[in-house]
Amino acid sequence: MSKAKAKAKQVKGKIKESAGSAMDDKRMQAEGSAEQMGGKAEEMASKAADKMKRDTRKP
C-alpha cells in the first residue's frame, strides 16, 4: 500500500473515532482507533520498503 493510501486510512479512522465520540458510540470510536493504527502500520511498512529499495541501490 502506498504512503498516501495509508495516510488516507489514518484520516478516515480519525474521522470515525471523532464521530463515535460525538455520538457517544464506543464501538465506532474503537473501530476508528483501530483503522488509524492499521494506517500507521501500513505507512511504516511502506517507509521501510522504500528505505530497503534505496539501500539496495547503493554500492
Protein backbone atom coordinates (compact mmCIF):
# COMPACT_ATOMS: atom_id res chain seq x y z
CA MET A 1 0.00 0.00 0.00
CA SER A 2 1.25 3.47 -0.76
CA LYS A 3 2.01 6.05 1.90
CA ALA A 4 -0.83 8.23 0.56
CA LYS A 5 -3.38 5.44 0.95
CA ALA A 6 -2.08 4.70 4.43
CA LYS A 7 -2.45 8.38 5.40
CA ALA A 8 -5.98 8.40 3.96
CA LYS A 9 -6.82 5.38 6.11
CA GLN A 10 -5.50 7.20 9.18
CA VAL A 11 -7.63 10.26 8.41
CA LYS A 12 -10.71 8.11 7.83
CA GLY A 13 -10.10 6.41 11.17
CA LYS A 14 -9.69 9.75 12.96
CA ILE A 15 -12.98 11.00 11.50
CA LYS A 16 -14.72 7.78 12.51
CA GLU A 17 -13.28 7.98 16.02
CA SER A 18 -14.37 11.62 16.37
CA ALA A 19 -17.87 10.84 15.11
CA GLY A 20 -18.11 7.99 17.60
CA SER A 21 -17.02 10.30 20.37
CA ALA A 22 -19.58 12.92 19.37
CA MET A 23 -22.36 10.31 19.31
CA ASP A 24 -21.05 8.54 22.44
CA ASP A 25 -20.66 5.34 20.39
CA LYS A 26 -17.81 3.34 21.94
CA ARG A 27 -17.81 0.75 19.14
CA MET A 28 -17.37 3.41 16.45
CA GLN A 29 -14.60 5.02 18.49
CA ALA A 30 -12.81 1.68 18.76
CA GLU A 31 -13.22 0.97 15.04
CA GLY A 32 -11.82 4.40 14.20
CA SER A 33 -8.88 3.92 16.51
CA ALA A 34 -8.15 0.50 15.00
CA GLU A 35 -8.34 1.95 11.50
CA GLN A 36 -5.86 4.66 12.45
CA MET A 37 -3.44 2.11 13.85
CA GLY A 38 -3.76 -0.01 10.72
CA GLY A 39 -2.98 3.04 8.60
CA LYS A 40 0.06 3.85 10.72
CA ALA A 41 1.33 0.28 10.40
CA GLU A 42 0.86 0.35 6.63
CA GLU A 43 2.65 3.70 6.42
CA MET A 44 5.59 2.34 8.41
CA ALA A 45 5.76 -0.76 6.20
CA SER A 46 5.75 1.42 3.10
CA LYS A 47 8.53 3.61 4.51
CA ALA A 48 10.58 0.52 5.37
CA ALA A 49 10.12 -0.86 1.85
CA ASP A 50 11.21 2.47 0.36
CA LYS A 51 14.29 2.51 2.58
CA MET A 52 15.18 -1.03 1.56
CA LYS A 53 14.91 -0.04 -2.11
CA ARG A 54 17.17 2.97 -1.56
CA ASP A 55 19.70 1.00 0.46
CA THR A 56 19.96 -1.80 -2.09
CA ARG A 57 20.78 0.69 -4.87
CA LYS A 58 23.83 1.99 -3.03
CA PRO A 59 27.14 0.33 -3.97
